[in-house]
Amino acid sequence: MRAVITVIGKDAVGILAKVSTVCAEDNANVIEVTQSVLQDMFAMIMLVDISRLKVDFAALADTLSKLGDEQGLKILTMHEDIFNTMHRI
């Protein structure tokens, strides 16, 4: 099982490190990352393996969302099945 994490907001040092630290703490393995900085705007998409999570998926999504709130970012975590279904329409 995999999930897609998107991060959007004002660029700052350590965004990738903070998000990947949360993933590591909950045993979500980062498979692939793409990121861009457009002027001062940061955008990132991460694909993570969630098959061995230590917490339930909703808890991971909540933790990442709270991190986003603290850092002034929008962080969305979506199960791969939902992501794929949304993009078939």
C-alpha atoms as a PDB file:
ATOM      1  CA  MET A   1       0.000   0.000   0.000  1.00  0.00           C
ATOM      2  CA  ARG A   2       1.183   3.470  -0.828  1.00  0.00           C
ATOM      3  CA  ALA A   3       0.168   7.052  -0.181  1.00  0.00           C
ATOM      4  CA  VAL A   4       0.742  10.370  -1.914  1.00  0.00           C
ATOM      5  CA  ILE A   5       1.779  13.354   0.208  1.00  0.00           C
ATOM      6  CA  THR A   6       1.613  16.837  -1.288  1.00  0.00           C
ATOM      7  CA  VAL A   7       3.160  19.909   0.300  1.00  0.00           C
ATOM      8  CA  ILE A   8       2.606  23.487  -0.884  1.00  0.00           C
ATOM      9  CA  GLY A   9       3.651  26.754   0.720  1.00  0.00           C
ATOM     10  CA  LYS A  10       6.285  29.402   1.117  1.00  0.00           C
ATOM     11  CA  ASP A  11       9.798  28.010   0.722  1.00  0.00           C
ATOM     12  CA  ALA A  12      11.860  27.524   3.876  1.00  0.00           C
ATOM     13  CA  VAL A  13      14.848  25.479   4.969  1.00  0.00           C
ATOM     14  CA  GLY A  14      14.068  21.940   6.130  1.00  0.00           C
ATOM     15  CA  ILE A  15      10.601  21.271   4.718  1.00  0.00           C
ATOM     16  CA  LEU A  16      11.617  17.973   3.123  1.00  0.00           C
ATOM     17  CA  ALA A  17      13.489  16.951   6.281  1.00  0.00           C
ATOM     18  CA  LYS A  18      10.526  17.686   8.567  1.00  0.00           C
ATOM     19  CA  VAL A  19       8.022  15.798   6.416  1.00  0.00           C
ATOM     20  CA  SER A  20      10.322  12.816   5.915  1.00  0.00           C
ATOM     21  CA  THR A  21      11.060  12.728   9.671  1.00  0.00           C
ATOM     22  CA  VAL A  22       7.338  12.348  10.429  1.00  0.00           C
ATOM     23  CA  CYS A  23       7.165   9.571   7.852  1.00  0.00           C
ATOM     24  CA  ALA A  24      10.181   7.789   9.360  1.00  0.00           C
ATOM     25  CA  GLU A  25       8.813   8.061  12.903  1.00  0.00           C
ATOM     26  CA  ASP A  26       5.599   6.325  11.790  1.00  0.00           C
ATOM     27  CA  ASN A  27       7.495   3.811   9.604  1.00  0.00           C
ATOM     28  CA  ALA A  28       6.253   5.168   6.260  1.00  0.00           C
ATOM     29  CA  ASN A  29       9.050   4.550   3.768  1.00  0.00           C
ATOM     30  CA  VAL A  30       9.667   7.352   1.256  1.00  0.00           C
ATOM     31  CA  ILE A  31       9.837   5.783  -2.206  1.00  0.00           C
ATOM     32  CA  GLU A  32      10.026   8.816  -4.458  1.00  0.00           C
ATOM     33  CA  VAL A  33      10.129  12.597  -4.092  1.00  0.00           C
ATOM     34  CA  THR A  34       9.785  15.434  -6.535  1.00  0.00           C
ATOM     35  CA  GLN A  35       9.970  19.052  -5.493  1.00  0.00           C
ATOM     36  CA  SER A  36      10.169  22.479  -7.064  1.00  0.00           C
ATOM     37  CA  VAL A  37      10.723  25.984  -5.863  1.00  0.00           C
ATOM     38  CA  LEU A  38       9.043  28.610  -8.034  1.00  0.00           C
ATOM     39  CA  GLN A  39      10.328  31.982  -6.869  1.00  0.00           C
ATOM     40  CA  ASP A  40       9.466  31.692  -3.153  1.00  0.00           C
ATOM     41  CA  MET A  41       6.796  28.964  -3.458  1.00  0.00           C
ATOM     42  CA  PHE A  42       7.626  25.373  -2.520  1.00  0.00           C
ATOM     43  CA  ALA A  43       5.803  22.392  -4.039  1.00  0.00           C
ATOM     44  CA  MET A  44       6.535  18.734  -3.297  1.00  0.00           C
ATOM     45  CA  ILE A  45       4.967  15.368  -4.018  1.00  0.00           C
ATOM     46  CA  MET A  46       6.094  12.292  -2.115  1.00  0.00           C
ATOM     47  CA  LEU A  47       5.163   8.683  -2.749  1.00  0.00           C
ATOM     48  CA  VAL A  48       5.450   6.619   0.446  1.00  0.00           C
ATOM     49  CA  ASP A  49       5.027   2.943   1.267  1.00  0.00           C
ATOM     50  CA  ILE A  50       2.521   2.681   4.132  1.00  0.00           C
ATOM     51  CA  SER A  51       2.311  -1.111   4.338  1.00  0.00           C
ATOM     52  CA  ARG A  52       4.252  -1.191   7.639  1.00  0.00           C
ATOM     53  CA  LEU A  53       2.869   1.895   9.397  1.00  0.00           C
ATOM     54  CA  LYS A  54       3.157   1.911  13.195  1.00  0.00           C
ATOM     55  CA  VAL A  55      -0.020   4.034  13.393  1.00  0.00           C
ATOM     56  CA  ASP A  56      -3.220   3.998  11.382  1.00  0.00           C
ATOM     57  CA  PHE A  57      -3.297   5.965   8.155  1.00  0.00           C
ATOM     58  CA  ALA A  58      -5.568   8.695   9.555  1.00  0.00           C
ATOM     59  CA  ALA A  59      -3.090   9.357  12.373  1.00  0.00           C
ATOM     60  CA  LEU A  60      -0.249   9.834   9.875  1.00  0.00           C
ATOM     61  CA  ALA A  61      -2.398  12.192   7.798  1.00  0.00           C
ATOM     62  CA  ASP A  62      -3.357  14.181  10.922  1.00  0.00           C
ATOM     63  CA  THR A  63       0.238  14.473  12.108  1.00  0.00           C
ATOM     64  CA  LEU A  64       1.356  15.741   8.710  1.00  0.00           C
ATOM     65  CA  SER A  65      -1.550  18.174   8.503  1.00  0.00           C
ATOM     66  CA  LYS A  66      -0.670  19.575  11.941  1.00  0.00           C
ATOM     67  CA  LEU A  67       2.960  19.922  10.858  1.00  0.00           C
ATOM     68  CA  GLY A  68       1.733  21.893   7.868  1.00  0.00           C
ATOM     69  CA  ASP A  69      -0.335  24.188  10.092  1.00  0.00           C
ATOM     70  CA  GLU A  70       2.678  24.812  12.347  1.00  0.00           C
ATOM     71  CA  GLN A  71       4.940  25.582   9.378  1.00  0.00           C
ATOM     72  CA  GLY A  72       2.478  27.621   7.320  1.00  0.00           C
ATOM     73  CA  LEU A  73       2.175  24.885   4.696  1.00  0.00           C
ATOM     74  CA  LYS A  74      -0.671  22.893   3.208  1.00  0.00           C
ATOM     75  CA  ILE A  75       0.110  19.177   3.581  1.00  0.00           C
ATOM     76  CA  LEU A  76      -2.357  16.642   2.183  1.00  0.00           C
ATOM     77  CA  THR A  77      -1.954  12.886   2.570  1.00  0.00           C
ATOM     78  CA  MET A  78      -4.009  10.670   0.312  1.00  0.00           C
ATOM     79  CA  HIS A  79      -4.153   6.895   0.027  1.00  0.00           C
ATOM     80  CA  GLU A  80      -2.982   5.813  -3.421  1.00  0.00           C
ATOM     81  CA  ASP A  81      -6.346   4.144  -4.168  1.00  0.00           C
ATOM     82  CA  ILE A  82      -8.193   7.440  -3.614  1.00  0.00           C
ATOM     83  CA  PHE A  83      -5.587   9.336  -5.637  1.00  0.00           C
ATOM     84  CA  ASN A  84      -5.917   6.927  -8.567  1.00  0.00           C
ATOM     85  CA  THR A  85      -9.730   6.979  -8.434  1.00  0.00           C
ATOM     86  CA  MET A  86      -9.822  10.780  -8.432  1.00  0.00           C
ATOM     87  CA  HIS A  87      -7.641  10.923 -11.525  1.00  0.00           C
ATOM     88  CA  ARG A  88      -9.631   8.409 -13.541  1.00  0.00           C
ATOM     89  CA  ILE A  89     -12.628  10.700 -13.743  1.00  0.00           C
END
